[in-house]
Structure formats: structure tokens, C-alpha cells
Amino acid sequence: MKLYFNKRDIESIKKSTDERLQGFVAEVLKKAEKALDIEILSEDKVSCDDGRSGNIHENYYDASIPFRQNMLLIAFAYLYTKDEAYFEKAKAMMLMYAGYKKWHGKGYHGKSELNTLNFCVGMAYGYHFFKDKLTADERKTIIEGTYKLGILTTMLDWVLPGTKIHAID
């Protein structure tokens, strides 16, 4: 079973004569098609200072938000259409972002921030939906990157005693 839909759900949606449901599906597919054109930002594009006033998080937002917002759309569109372009886009995003050196900006004192969690959510969705289509090396890269850049840094900054950046124990 998939996170939100299984094969039976998708087939039921395809066969439905409910006009509102079909209209909703058409909108989702239109947004997913637009997501195929989203630029996958290399780390050098997000880690540079773009000169914006008060931009303490560099440009990690510019990569993490579209990644998180569009991964479910891409996954649904793949499940609904079986168009490999959706899988290829999801894989390219996950592999690019898993290869970053960090998922946070230079202005932050810790090693995790909201952008870090946006990357984690995008990875969770993408990995869940597409893990069976990824090679063993691709799965390893995505798992290790997500753990090192997202899970571990978040645990160290916010959960584990002795490393937390705040004093609420």
C-alpha cells in the first residue's frame, strides 16, 4: 500500500464518473506536469549569497520548498499515468539533494532548520513512493543523505540531551 493511495484506489479514481473528482484529478495532473519543469538546484546555486537583504538562510528555501510541495503531486501523477518522466524527476531531485553537504543556511547556529525538515519530508514521500524503482546504490545514497543531513542533524539540534541548542529539558 502506498502512503495515500494504493493501486485499487487509483483504479477506482480512474473509473469514477464523479465530475468533481475528475476535475480535481485533472488539476493535480496539471500541477504535476508543471512540476516536471521545476529546476533542480545544485548546491552551489543555493549556498551562494544572492545579495537579498536579511537572507540568513541563503537559498536552501528555494530548493527545499518546491521539493517538498511537489513530491506528492509527482508521485500521484506517476501512479495515475505510469509516465516515467515523473519517476525520473523524483529520482533526480532526491539524488541531487541527498548529495548536498548540508541542508541549512550559514546564518543558523545549529545544523537543522525548517529547510532541513522540508528536505526530509520530500525525501520521505519520494522514497516511499519510488523505492522499488530505485537501484540499490540510489536507495543507499538517498537513505544515507537523508540520515546524515536531516535526521541526525535534527536529533542533535533538537532532541538529544547534551547536544540540543535550546535549554528546554
N, C-alpha and C. Protein backbone atom coordinates (compact mmCIF):
# COMPACT_ATOMS: atom_id res chain seq x y z
N MET A 1 0.84 -1.19 0.00
CA MET A 1 0.00 0.00 0.00
C MET A 1 0.88 1.24 0.00
N LYS A 2 0.47 2.22 -0.76
CA LYS A 2 1.20 3.48 -0.82
C LYS A 2 0.73 4.39 0.31
N LEU A 3 1.49 5.45 0.53
CA LEU A 3 1.23 6.36 1.64
C LEU A 3 -0.19 6.90 1.64
N TYR A 4 -0.70 7.33 0.51
CA TYR A 4 -2.05 7.87 0.42
C TYR A 4 -2.97 7.03 -0.45
N PHE A 5 -2.43 6.43 -1.48
CA PHE A 5 -3.24 5.69 -2.43
C PHE A 5 -2.59 4.34 -2.71
N ASN A 6 -3.41 3.33 -2.86
CA ASN A 6 -2.88 2.06 -3.35
C ASN A 6 -3.40 1.86 -4.78
N LYS A 7 -3.00 0.78 -5.41
CA LYS A 7 -3.40 0.55 -6.81
C LYS A 7 -4.92 0.49 -6.97
N ARG A 8 -5.59 -0.11 -6.02
CA ARG A 8 -7.05 -0.21 -6.08
C ARG A 8 -7.69 1.18 -6.01
N ASP A 9 -7.14 2.05 -5.15
CA ASP A 9 -7.66 3.43 -5.05
C ASP A 9 -7.49 4.17 -6.37
N ILE A 10 -6.32 4.02 -6.97
CA ILE A 10 -6.04 4.71 -8.23
C ILE A 10 -7.00 4.22 -9.32
N GLU A 11 -7.20 2.92 -9.40
CA GLU A 11 -8.12 2.37 -10.41
C GLU A 11 -9.55 2.85 -10.16
N SER A 12 -9.93 2.93 -8.90
CA SER A 12 -11.26 3.42 -8.56
C SER A 12 -11.43 4.88 -8.98
N ILE A 13 -10.40 5.68 -8.76
CA ILE A 13 -10.44 7.09 -9.15
C ILE A 13 -10.55 7.20 -10.67
N LYS A 14 -9.78 6.39 -11.38
CA LYS A 14 -9.81 6.42 -12.85
C LYS A 14 -11.21 6.06 -13.39
N LYS A 15 -11.88 5.12 -12.75
CA LYS A 15 -13.19 4.66 -13.22
C LYS A 15 -14.35 5.53 -12.74
N SER A 16 -14.08 6.42 -11.81
CA SER A 16 -15.14 7.23 -11.23
C SER A 16 -15.79 8.14 -12.27
N THR A 17 -17.09 8.30 -12.15
CA THR A 17 -17.82 9.21 -13.03
C THR A 17 -18.14 10.52 -12.30
N ASP A 18 -17.64 10.67 -11.10
CA ASP A 18 -17.85 11.89 -10.32
C ASP A 18 -17.09 13.04 -10.98
N GLU A 19 -17.82 14.01 -11.48
CA GLU A 19 -17.20 15.12 -12.21
C GLU A 19 -16.28 15.96 -11.33
N ARG A 20 -16.66 16.14 -10.07
CA ARG A 20 -15.79 16.92 -9.17
C ARG A 20 -14.47 16.20 -8.95
N LEU A 21 -14.53 14.90 -8.74
CA LEU A 21 -13.31 14.12 -8.54
C LEU A 21 -12.43 14.17 -9.78
N GLN A 22 -13.03 13.99 -10.95
CA GLN A 22 -12.25 14.03 -12.19
C GLN A 22 -11.66 15.42 -12.43
N GLY A 23 -12.39 16.45 -12.05
CA GLY A 23 -11.87 17.82 -12.16
C GLY A 23 -10.67 18.02 -11.24
N PHE A 24 -10.79 17.48 -10.02
CA PHE A 24 -9.68 17.57 -9.07
C PHE A 24 -8.46 16.82 -9.60
N VAL A 25 -8.65 15.62 -10.12
CA VAL A 25 -7.55 14.84 -10.68
C VAL A 25 -6.90 15.60 -11.84
N ALA A 26 -7.70 16.21 -12.69
CA ALA A 26 -7.15 16.98 -13.81
C ALA A 26 -6.28 18.13 -13.31
N GLU A 27 -6.71 18.80 -12.24
CA GLU A 27 -5.92 19.89 -11.67
C GLU A 27 -4.61 19.38 -11.08
N VAL A 28 -4.68 18.26 -10.37
CA VAL A 28 -3.47 17.68 -9.78
C VAL A 28 -2.49 17.28 -10.89
N LEU A 29 -3.00 16.66 -11.94
CA LEU A 29 -2.13 16.24 -13.04
C LEU A 29 -1.51 17.45 -13.75
N LYS A 30 -2.28 18.54 -13.86
CA LYS A 30 -1.75 19.75 -14.47
C LYS A 30 -0.62 20.33 -13.62
N LYS A 31 -0.81 20.35 -12.30
CA LYS A 31 0.25 20.85 -11.41
C LYS A 31 1.46 19.92 -11.43
N ALA A 32 1.22 18.63 -11.50
CA ALA A 32 2.33 17.67 -11.56
C ALA A 32 3.13 17.85 -12.84
N GLU A 33 2.43 18.12 -13.93
CA GLU A 33 3.13 18.34 -15.20
C GLU A 33 4.01 19.58 -15.12
N LYS A 34 3.51 20.63 -14.48
CA LYS A 34 4.32 21.83 -14.27
C LYS A 34 5.53 21.53 -13.38
N ALA A 35 5.35 20.62 -12.43
CA ALA A 35 6.45 20.27 -11.53
C ALA A 35 7.61 19.62 -12.27
N LEU A 36 7.34 19.03 -13.42
CA LEU A 36 8.42 18.45 -14.21
C LEU A 36 9.40 19.51 -14.69
N ASP A 37 8.96 20.76 -14.74
CA ASP A 37 9.81 21.86 -15.20
C ASP A 37 10.55 22.58 -14.09
N ILE A 38 10.31 22.18 -12.85
CA ILE A 38 10.99 22.83 -11.73
C ILE A 38 12.48 22.56 -11.83
N GLU A 39 13.26 23.62 -11.66
CA GLU A 39 14.71 23.46 -11.70
C GLU A 39 15.19 22.73 -10.45
N ILE A 40 16.01 21.73 -10.65
CA ILE A 40 16.63 21.03 -9.54
C ILE A 40 17.93 21.77 -9.26
N LEU A 41 17.99 22.44 -8.12
CA LEU A 41 19.10 23.33 -7.83
C LEU A 41 20.30 22.59 -7.26
N SER A 42 21.44 22.76 -7.90
CA SER A 42 22.68 22.20 -7.36
C SER A 42 23.05 23.00 -6.11
N GLU A 43 23.88 22.42 -5.26
CA GLU A 43 24.19 23.08 -4.00
C GLU A 43 24.92 24.40 -4.21
N ASP A 44 25.71 24.52 -5.25
CA ASP A 44 26.39 25.80 -5.47
C ASP A 44 25.40 26.93 -5.77
N LYS A 45 24.22 26.60 -6.28
CA LYS A 45 23.20 27.63 -6.53
C LYS A 45 22.46 28.04 -5.27
N VAL A 46 22.41 27.18 -4.27
CA VAL A 46 21.70 27.53 -3.04
C VAL A 46 22.62 28.00 -1.94
N SER A 47 23.89 27.69 -2.02
CA SER A 47 24.79 28.06 -0.94
C SER A 47 25.49 29.39 -1.17
N CYS A 48 25.20 30.05 -2.27
CA CYS A 48 25.82 31.34 -2.54
C CYS A 48 25.01 32.46 -1.90
N ASP A 49 25.65 33.58 -1.66
CA ASP A 49 24.96 34.75 -1.14
C ASP A 49 24.35 35.48 -2.32
N ASP A 50 23.03 35.54 -2.36
CA ASP A 50 22.37 36.16 -3.51
C ASP A 50 22.15 37.66 -3.34
N GLY A 51 22.62 38.22 -2.23
CA GLY A 51 22.54 39.65 -2.03
C GLY A 51 21.20 40.15 -1.49
N ARG A 52 20.25 39.26 -1.26
CA ARG A 52 18.97 39.71 -0.72
C ARG A 52 19.15 40.14 0.73
N SER A 53 18.56 41.21 1.08
CA SER A 53 18.65 41.74 2.42
C SER A 53 18.05 40.77 3.42
N GLY A 54 18.78 40.48 4.47
CA GLY A 54 18.29 39.60 5.52
C GLY A 54 18.22 38.13 5.15
N ASN A 55 18.91 37.75 4.11
CA ASN A 55 18.84 36.36 3.66
C ASN A 55 19.83 35.50 4.44
N ILE A 56 19.50 35.22 5.71
CA ILE A 56 20.43 34.49 6.55
C ILE A 56 20.45 32.99 6.25
N HIS A 57 19.45 32.50 5.54
CA HIS A 57 19.40 31.07 5.25
C HIS A 57 19.87 30.74 3.84
N GLU A 58 20.57 31.69 3.22
CA GLU A 58 21.00 31.52 1.85
C GLU A 58 19.79 31.18 0.98
N ASN A 59 19.94 30.25 0.06
CA ASN A 59 18.83 29.92 -0.84
C ASN A 59 18.30 28.50 -0.63
N TYR A 60 18.56 27.87 0.49
CA TYR A 60 18.09 26.50 0.71
C TYR A 60 16.57 26.41 0.61
N TYR A 61 15.90 27.49 0.95
CA TYR A 61 14.45 27.58 0.81
C TYR A 61 14.04 27.34 -0.65
N ASP A 62 14.81 27.90 -1.57
CA ASP A 62 14.48 27.82 -2.99
C ASP A 62 14.54 26.38 -3.52
N ALA A 63 15.26 25.52 -2.84
CA ALA A 63 15.31 24.11 -3.22
C ALA A 63 14.34 23.28 -2.39
N SER A 64 14.30 23.51 -1.08
CA SER A 64 13.54 22.64 -0.18
C SER A 64 12.03 22.77 -0.34
N ILE A 65 11.54 23.98 -0.54
CA ILE A 65 10.09 24.18 -0.62
C ILE A 65 9.49 23.54 -1.88
N PRO A 66 10.02 23.83 -3.08
CA PRO A 66 9.45 23.17 -4.26
C PRO A 66 9.58 21.65 -4.20
N PHE A 67 10.67 21.17 -3.62
CA PHE A 67 10.89 19.73 -3.48
C PHE A 67 9.77 19.12 -2.62
N ARG A 68 9.55 19.68 -1.44
CA ARG A 68 8.50 19.17 -0.54
C ARG A 68 7.11 19.33 -1.15
N GLN A 69 6.84 20.50 -1.70
CA GLN A 69 5.49 20.79 -2.20
C GLN A 69 5.10 19.93 -3.39
N ASN A 70 6.06 19.53 -4.20
CA ASN A 70 5.74 18.86 -5.45
C ASN A 70 5.93 17.35 -5.45
N MET A 71 6.58 16.79 -4.45
CA MET A 71 6.86 15.36 -4.48
C MET A 71 5.58 14.53 -4.47
N LEU A 72 4.58 14.92 -3.69
CA LEU A 72 3.32 14.16 -3.68
C LEU A 72 2.59 14.28 -5.01
N LEU A 73 2.62 15.46 -5.61
CA LEU A 73 2.00 15.64 -6.92
C LEU A 73 2.66 14.72 -7.95
N ILE A 74 3.98 14.71 -7.94
CA ILE A 74 4.74 13.89 -8.88
C ILE A 74 4.44 12.41 -8.65
N ALA A 75 4.40 12.00 -7.39
CA ALA A 75 4.13 10.59 -7.07
C ALA A 75 2.72 10.19 -7.52
N PHE A 76 1.72 11.03 -7.22
CA PHE A 76 0.36 10.72 -7.65
C PHE A 76 0.29 10.62 -9.17
N ALA A 77 0.89 11.59 -9.85
CA ALA A 77 0.86 11.59 -11.32
C ALA A 77 1.51 10.33 -11.88
N TYR A 78 2.60 9.89 -11.26
CA TYR A 78 3.24 8.66 -11.73
C TYR A 78 2.30 7.47 -11.52
N LEU A 79 1.73 7.36 -10.33
CA LEU A 79 0.83 6.24 -10.04
C LEU A 79 -0.38 6.25 -10.98
N TYR A 80 -0.86 7.43 -11.31
CA TYR A 80 -2.06 7.56 -12.14
C TYR A 80 -1.77 7.32 -13.62
N THR A 81 -0.62 7.84 -14.10
CA THR A 81 -0.34 7.79 -15.54
C THR A 81 0.70 6.76 -15.93
N LYS A 82 1.53 6.35 -14.99
CA LYS A 82 2.68 5.45 -15.25
C LYS A 82 3.71 6.10 -16.18
N ASP A 83 3.67 7.42 -16.30
CA ASP A 83 4.62 8.15 -17.14
C ASP A 83 5.97 8.19 -16.40
N GLU A 84 6.98 7.61 -17.02
CA GLU A 84 8.30 7.50 -16.39
C GLU A 84 8.95 8.86 -16.13
N ALA A 85 8.51 9.91 -16.81
CA ALA A 85 9.08 11.24 -16.59
C ALA A 85 8.91 11.67 -15.14
N TYR A 86 7.82 11.26 -14.52
CA TYR A 86 7.59 11.62 -13.11
C TYR A 86 8.58 10.89 -12.20
N PHE A 87 8.80 9.63 -12.47
CA PHE A 87 9.79 8.90 -11.68
C PHE A 87 11.18 9.50 -11.86
N GLU A 88 11.54 9.80 -13.09
CA GLU A 88 12.87 10.35 -13.37
C GLU A 88 13.07 11.69 -12.67
N LYS A 89 12.04 12.53 -12.63
CA LYS A 89 12.13 13.82 -11.94
C LYS A 89 12.30 13.61 -10.44
N ALA A 90 11.51 12.72 -9.87
CA ALA A 90 11.62 12.45 -8.44
C ALA A 90 13.00 11.91 -8.10
N LYS A 91 13.48 10.98 -8.88
CA LYS A 91 14.80 10.40 -8.63
C LYS A 91 15.89 11.46 -8.74
N ALA A 92 15.83 12.29 -9.76
CA ALA A 92 16.86 13.32 -9.94
C ALA A 92 16.87 14.30 -8.76
N MET A 93 15.69 14.67 -8.28
CA MET A 93 15.63 15.58 -7.13
C MET A 93 16.22 14.91 -5.89
N MET A 94 15.78 13.69 -5.62
CA MET A 94 16.26 13.01 -4.42
C MET A 94 17.77 12.82 -4.44
N LEU A 95 18.31 12.41 -5.56
CA LEU A 95 19.75 12.18 -5.65
C LEU A 95 20.54 13.49 -5.55
N MET A 96 20.04 14.55 -6.17
CA MET A 96 20.73 15.84 -6.07
C MET A 96 20.77 16.31 -4.63
N TYR A 97 19.61 16.31 -3.97
CA TYR A 97 19.54 16.85 -2.62
C TYR A 97 20.21 15.93 -1.60
N ALA A 98 20.23 14.65 -1.82
CA ALA A 98 20.95 13.73 -0.93
C ALA A 98 22.46 13.96 -1.03
N GLY A 99 22.92 14.53 -2.13
CA GLY A 99 24.34 14.78 -2.33
C GLY A 99 24.82 16.12 -1.79
N TYR A 100 23.92 16.93 -1.26
CA TYR A 100 24.33 18.21 -0.67
C TYR A 100 25.26 17.97 0.52
N LYS A 101 26.02 19.00 0.89
CA LYS A 101 26.87 18.91 2.08
C LYS A 101 26.09 19.28 3.34
N LYS A 102 25.04 20.10 3.18
CA LYS A 102 24.22 20.50 4.32
C LYS A 102 22.85 20.89 3.82
N TRP A 103 21.87 20.88 4.73
CA TRP A 103 20.51 21.28 4.42
C TRP A 103 20.10 22.49 5.26
N HIS A 104 21.02 23.38 5.53
CA HIS A 104 20.74 24.58 6.32
C HIS A 104 21.64 25.71 5.86
N GLY A 105 21.23 26.93 6.16
CA GLY A 105 22.00 28.10 5.76
C GLY A 105 23.09 28.47 6.73
N LYS A 106 23.97 29.37 6.29
CA LYS A 106 25.12 29.77 7.10
C LYS A 106 24.76 30.64 8.29
N GLY A 107 23.60 31.28 8.25
CA GLY A 107 23.22 32.18 9.33
C GLY A 107 22.63 31.48 10.53
N TYR A 108 22.49 30.18 10.45
CA TYR A 108 21.85 29.44 11.53
C TYR A 108 22.91 28.81 12.42
N HIS A 109 22.72 28.86 13.74
CA HIS A 109 23.72 28.37 14.69
C HIS A 109 23.79 26.86 14.78
N GLY A 110 22.69 26.19 14.52
CA GLY A 110 22.68 24.74 14.57
C GLY A 110 22.96 24.14 13.20
N LYS A 111 22.53 22.93 13.01
CA LYS A 111 22.71 22.25 11.73
C LYS A 111 21.38 21.80 11.12
N SER A 112 20.28 22.23 11.73
CA SER A 112 18.96 21.91 11.18
C SER A 112 18.05 23.12 11.36
N GLU A 113 17.17 23.30 10.41
CA GLU A 113 16.22 24.40 10.42
C GLU A 113 14.98 23.93 9.67
N LEU A 114 14.04 24.81 9.41
CA LEU A 114 12.82 24.40 8.70
C LEU A 114 13.13 23.87 7.31
N ASN A 115 14.12 24.44 6.64
CA ASN A 115 14.50 23.91 5.33
C ASN A 115 14.97 22.46 5.43
N THR A 116 15.67 22.14 6.50
CA THR A 116 16.12 20.77 6.72
C THR A 116 14.92 19.82 6.75
N LEU A 117 13.89 20.23 7.44
CA LEU A 117 12.70 19.38 7.56
C LEU A 117 11.92 19.32 6.25
N ASN A 118 11.93 20.39 5.48
CA ASN A 118 11.30 20.33 4.15
C ASN A 118 12.00 19.30 3.27
N PHE A 119 13.33 19.27 3.32
CA PHE A 119 14.06 18.25 2.57
C PHE A 119 13.69 16.85 3.08
N CYS A 120 13.59 16.69 4.41
CA CYS A 120 13.24 15.37 4.97
C CYS A 120 11.86 14.91 4.50
N VAL A 121 10.89 15.81 4.48
CA VAL A 121 9.54 15.44 4.05
C VAL A 121 9.54 15.04 2.57
N GLY A 122 10.21 15.83 1.74
CA GLY A 122 10.30 15.49 0.32
C GLY A 122 10.95 14.13 0.11
N MET A 123 12.01 13.87 0.86
CA MET A 123 12.69 12.57 0.76
C MET A 123 11.78 11.44 1.22
N ALA A 124 11.07 11.66 2.31
CA ALA A 124 10.17 10.61 2.83
C ALA A 124 9.10 10.25 1.81
N TYR A 125 8.47 11.26 1.23
CA TYR A 125 7.45 11.00 0.21
C TYR A 125 8.06 10.28 -0.99
N GLY A 126 9.14 10.84 -1.51
CA GLY A 126 9.75 10.28 -2.71
C GLY A 126 10.25 8.86 -2.51
N TYR A 127 10.92 8.64 -1.38
CA TYR A 127 11.45 7.30 -1.12
C TYR A 127 10.31 6.30 -0.96
N HIS A 128 9.29 6.70 -0.25
CA HIS A 128 8.16 5.78 -0.03
C HIS A 128 7.52 5.36 -1.36
N PHE A 129 7.27 6.32 -2.21
CA PHE A 129 6.59 6.01 -3.46
C PHE A 129 7.48 5.31 -4.49
N PHE A 130 8.76 5.62 -4.50
CA PHE A 130 9.61 5.16 -5.60
C PHE A 130 10.72 4.19 -5.21
N LYS A 131 10.80 3.77 -3.96
CA LYS A 131 11.92 2.94 -3.53
C LYS A 131 12.07 1.66 -4.35
N ASP A 132 10.97 1.07 -4.77
CA ASP A 132 11.06 -0.18 -5.53
C ASP A 132 11.61 0.02 -6.94
N LYS A 133 11.59 1.26 -7.43
CA LYS A 133 12.10 1.54 -8.76
C LYS A 133 13.56 2.00 -8.74
N LEU A 134 14.07 2.34 -7.57
CA LEU A 134 15.44 2.81 -7.44
C LEU A 134 16.40 1.63 -7.37
N THR A 135 17.63 1.84 -7.83
CA THR A 135 18.65 0.80 -7.70
C THR A 135 19.12 0.76 -6.24
N ALA A 136 19.83 -0.28 -5.88
CA ALA A 136 20.35 -0.40 -4.52
C ALA A 136 21.27 0.77 -4.19
N ASP A 137 22.12 1.18 -5.13
CA ASP A 137 23.02 2.31 -4.90
C ASP A 137 22.25 3.61 -4.74
N GLU A 138 21.21 3.80 -5.52
CA GLU A 138 20.39 5.02 -5.40
C GLU A 138 19.67 5.05 -4.05
N ARG A 139 19.12 3.92 -3.64
CA ARG A 139 18.47 3.86 -2.32
C ARG A 139 19.46 4.17 -1.22
N LYS A 140 20.65 3.61 -1.31
CA LYS A 140 21.69 3.85 -0.29
C LYS A 140 22.06 5.33 -0.23
N THR A 141 22.25 5.96 -1.38
CA THR A 141 22.59 7.38 -1.43
C THR A 141 21.49 8.22 -0.78
N ILE A 142 20.25 7.93 -1.10
CA ILE A 142 19.13 8.70 -0.56
C ILE A 142 18.98 8.47 0.94
N ILE A 143 19.08 7.23 1.38
CA ILE A 143 18.96 6.92 2.81
C ILE A 143 20.09 7.57 3.60
N GLU A 144 21.32 7.41 3.14
CA GLU A 144 22.46 7.98 3.87
C GLU A 144 22.41 9.50 3.88
N GLY A 145 22.05 10.12 2.76
CA GLY A 145 21.96 11.57 2.71
C GLY A 145 20.87 12.09 3.64
N THR A 146 19.72 11.45 3.63
CA THR A 146 18.62 11.88 4.49
C THR A 146 18.97 11.72 5.96
N TYR A 147 19.62 10.62 6.28
CA TYR A 147 20.02 10.41 7.68
C TYR A 147 21.04 11.46 8.11
N LYS A 148 22.11 11.60 7.35
CA LYS A 148 23.21 12.49 7.72
C LYS A 148 22.80 13.96 7.71
N LEU A 149 22.08 14.38 6.68
CA LEU A 149 21.77 15.80 6.51
C LEU A 149 20.48 16.22 7.20
N GLY A 150 19.58 15.28 7.45
CA GLY A 150 18.28 15.64 8.00
C GLY A 150 17.97 15.06 9.36
N ILE A 151 17.96 13.73 9.44
CA ILE A 151 17.53 13.07 10.68
C ILE A 151 18.53 13.30 11.80
N LEU A 152 19.80 13.01 11.55
CA LEU A 152 20.81 13.14 12.60
C LEU A 152 20.96 14.59 13.04
N THR A 153 21.04 15.51 12.09
CA THR A 153 21.21 16.92 12.47
C THR A 153 20.02 17.43 13.28
N THR A 154 18.83 17.00 12.93
CA THR A 154 17.64 17.41 13.68
C THR A 154 17.66 16.82 15.08
N MET A 155 18.02 15.56 15.18
CA MET A 155 18.11 14.92 16.50
C MET A 155 19.14 15.62 17.38
N LEU A 156 20.30 15.92 16.81
CA LEU A 156 21.36 16.57 17.58
C LEU A 156 20.94 17.98 18.02
N ASP A 157 20.30 18.73 17.14
CA ASP A 157 19.93 20.10 17.48
C ASP A 157 18.72 20.21 18.40
N TRP A 158 17.77 19.28 18.29
CA TRP A 158 16.50 19.50 18.96
C TRP A 158 16.08 18.43 19.96
N VAL A 159 16.70 17.25 19.93
CA VAL A 159 16.17 16.15 20.74
C VAL A 159 17.18 15.60 21.75
N LEU A 160 18.36 15.26 21.31
CA LEU A 160 19.31 14.55 22.16
C LEU A 160 19.92 15.44 23.24
N PRO A 161 19.82 15.00 24.51
CA PRO A 161 20.41 15.79 25.60
C PRO A 161 21.92 15.96 25.37
N GLY A 162 22.43 17.10 25.77
CA GLY A 162 23.85 17.36 25.64
C GLY A 162 24.25 17.97 24.31
N THR A 163 23.38 17.89 23.32
CA THR A 163 23.71 18.49 22.02
C THR A 163 22.63 19.48 21.59
N LYS A 164 21.52 19.52 22.32
CA LYS A 164 20.41 20.39 21.93
C LYS A 164 20.85 21.86 21.97
N ILE A 165 20.27 22.67 21.07
CA ILE A 165 20.63 24.08 21.02
C ILE A 165 19.74 24.94 21.91
N HIS A 166 18.78 24.36 22.57
CA HIS A 166 17.94 25.11 23.49
C HIS A 166 17.99 24.46 24.86
N ALA A 167 17.50 25.15 25.84
CA ALA A 167 17.64 24.70 27.22
C ALA A 167 16.39 24.05 27.79
N ILE A 168 15.43 23.67 26.96
CA ILE A 168 14.23 23.06 27.48
C ILE A 168 14.46 21.55 27.59
N ASP A 169 14.73 21.10 28.77
CA ASP A 169 14.96 19.67 29.00
C ASP A 169 13.89 19.09 29.88
